Protein backbone atom coordinates (compact mmCIF):
# COMPACT_ATOMS: atom_id res chain seq x y z
CA MET A 1 15.07 -2.69 15.67
CA ARG A 2 11.29 -2.82 15.47
CA ASP A 3 9.30 -5.94 14.61
CA HIS A 4 7.29 -4.91 11.55
CA ARG A 5 5.04 -7.98 11.90
CA LYS A 6 3.52 -6.49 15.06
CA LEU A 7 2.55 -3.24 13.33
CA THR A 8 -1.09 -2.92 12.31
CA ALA A 9 0.08 -0.77 9.38
CA PHE A 10 2.22 -3.63 8.08
CA GLN A 11 -0.49 -6.24 8.63
CA LEU A 12 -2.99 -4.16 6.66
CA ALA A 13 -0.45 -3.46 3.90
CA ASP A 14 0.39 -7.16 3.65
CA ALA A 15 -3.30 -8.08 3.34
CA PHE A 16 -3.69 -5.32 0.74
CA VAL A 17 -0.85 -6.82 -1.33
CA LEU A 18 -2.58 -10.21 -1.36
CA ALA A 19 -5.94 -8.67 -2.30
CA VAL A 20 -4.40 -6.68 -5.16
CA TYR A 21 -2.53 -9.69 -6.52
CA LYS A 22 -5.76 -11.69 -6.49
CA ALA A 23 -7.74 -8.89 -8.17
CA THR A 24 -5.15 -8.21 -10.87
CA LYS A 25 -5.09 -11.84 -12.03
CA ALA A 26 -8.21 -10.99 -14.03
CA PHE A 27 -6.72 -7.88 -15.70
CA PRO A 28 -6.31 -8.04 -19.48
CA ARG A 29 -3.14 -9.72 -20.66
CA THR A 30 -2.28 -6.52 -22.54
CA GLU A 31 -1.83 -4.84 -19.14
CA GLN A 32 0.68 -7.40 -17.87
CA PHE A 33 3.54 -4.93 -18.16
CA GLY A 34 1.35 -1.87 -17.71
CA LEU A 35 -1.27 -1.28 -15.05
CA THR A 36 -1.01 -4.78 -13.55
CA SER A 37 2.71 -4.38 -12.95
CA GLN A 38 2.44 -0.78 -11.76
CA LEU A 39 -0.30 -1.54 -9.24
CA ARG A 40 1.43 -4.62 -7.91
CA ARG A 41 4.74 -2.79 -7.54
CA ALA A 42 3.07 0.09 -5.73
CA VAL A 43 1.35 -2.12 -3.13
CA VAL A 44 4.44 -4.25 -2.58
CA SER A 45 6.39 -1.03 -2.07
CA VAL A 46 4.03 -0.02 0.73
CA ALA A 47 4.69 -3.17 2.75
CA ALA A 48 8.38 -3.33 1.81
CA ASN A 49 9.07 0.24 2.92
CA ILE A 50 7.38 -0.39 6.26
CA VAL A 51 9.65 -3.42 6.68
CA GLU A 52 12.77 -1.54 5.61
CA GLY A 53 11.96 1.43 7.82
CA SER A 54 11.42 -0.87 10.78
CA ALA A 55 14.95 -2.19 10.33
CA ARG A 56 16.50 1.27 10.44
CA SER A 57 18.19 2.31 13.66
CA SER A 58 17.20 5.97 13.66
CA GLU A 59 13.68 7.25 14.12
CA LYS A 60 14.32 9.82 11.38
CA ASP A 61 15.06 7.07 8.85
CA TYR A 62 12.07 5.05 10.05
CA VAL A 63 9.71 7.97 9.48
CA LYS A 64 11.31 8.64 6.08
CA PHE A 65 10.51 5.10 4.94
CA LEU A 66 6.99 5.33 6.35
CA GLY A 67 6.58 8.46 4.22
CA ILE A 68 7.75 6.57 1.15
CA ALA A 69 5.29 3.79 1.99
CA PHE A 70 2.49 6.35 2.23
CA ALA A 71 3.40 7.86 -1.15
CA SER A 72 3.35 4.39 -2.74
CA LEU A 73 -0.02 3.76 -1.13
CA ARG A 74 -1.44 6.92 -2.67
CA GLU A 75 -0.10 5.79 -6.04
CA ALA A 76 -1.81 2.41 -5.60
CA GLY A 77 -5.07 4.16 -4.75
CA TYR A 78 -4.97 6.01 -8.05
CA PHE A 79 -4.21 2.81 -9.97
CA ILE A 80 -7.21 1.10 -8.36
CA GLU A 81 -9.45 4.02 -9.32
CA LEU A 82 -8.08 3.87 -12.86
CA ALA A 83 -8.62 0.10 -13.08
CA GLY A 84 -12.22 0.67 -12.02
CA LYS A 85 -12.73 3.37 -14.64
CA LEU A 86 -11.27 1.09 -17.31
CA ALA A 87 -13.63 -1.69 -16.14
CA TYR A 88 -10.70 -4.00 -15.34
CA LEU A 89 -12.28 -4.36 -11.91
CA GLU A 90 -15.92 -4.99 -11.13
CA PRO A 91 -17.51 -2.10 -9.21
CA ALA A 92 -17.74 -4.23 -6.04
CA ALA A 93 -14.06 -5.19 -6.29
CA THR A 94 -13.08 -1.56 -6.84
CA LYS A 95 -15.11 -0.56 -3.79
CA ASP A 96 -13.54 -3.31 -1.65
CA LEU A 97 -9.98 -2.46 -2.70
CA LEU A 98 -10.56 1.25 -2.13
CA ALA A 99 -11.93 0.45 1.34
CA GLN A 100 -8.73 -1.48 2.10
CA TYR A 101 -6.71 1.41 0.68
CA ASP A 102 -8.55 3.91 2.90
CA HIS A 103 -8.04 1.78 5.99
CA CYS A 104 -4.32 1.37 5.25
CA ALA A 105 -3.99 5.10 4.60
CA ARG A 106 -5.66 6.07 7.88
CA VAL A 107 -3.51 3.70 9.94
CA LEU A 108 -0.26 4.55 8.17
CA SER A 109 -0.96 8.27 8.36
CA GLY A 110 -1.67 7.92 12.07
CA LEU A 111 1.61 6.08 12.58
CA VAL A 112 3.57 8.80 10.78
CA SER A 113 1.72 11.52 12.69
CA SER A 114 2.49 9.87 16.02
CA PHE A 115 6.21 10.23 15.33
CA ARG A 116 5.90 13.81 14.13
CA GLU A 117 3.88 14.81 17.21
CA ASN A 118 6.31 13.12 19.59
CA GLY A 119 9.47 14.03 17.76
């Protein structure tokens, strides 16, 4: 079993979750069960799937969960872009969150690729 806490991908995803929760506190109340919930679920799914994959015994299952995490990350990226377009986020906040998204995506993609190249 792998220790997810030592993975840079998990550490970045965890920080991303906290940043998104902080940013979405200011979203309109009408979005509580809409975009706020969707974005929060997507970012939590990224970190949670890295954790779950790390607990799997087979490398194949691990990579499968990393793939699910990456798909959730892409979904979160779209939701951040949408929140920016709807002016739920200030332009600077949108830029900061998208920078975190990009960093997470690069690291997670690299982790997945390392298994595909070696496996």
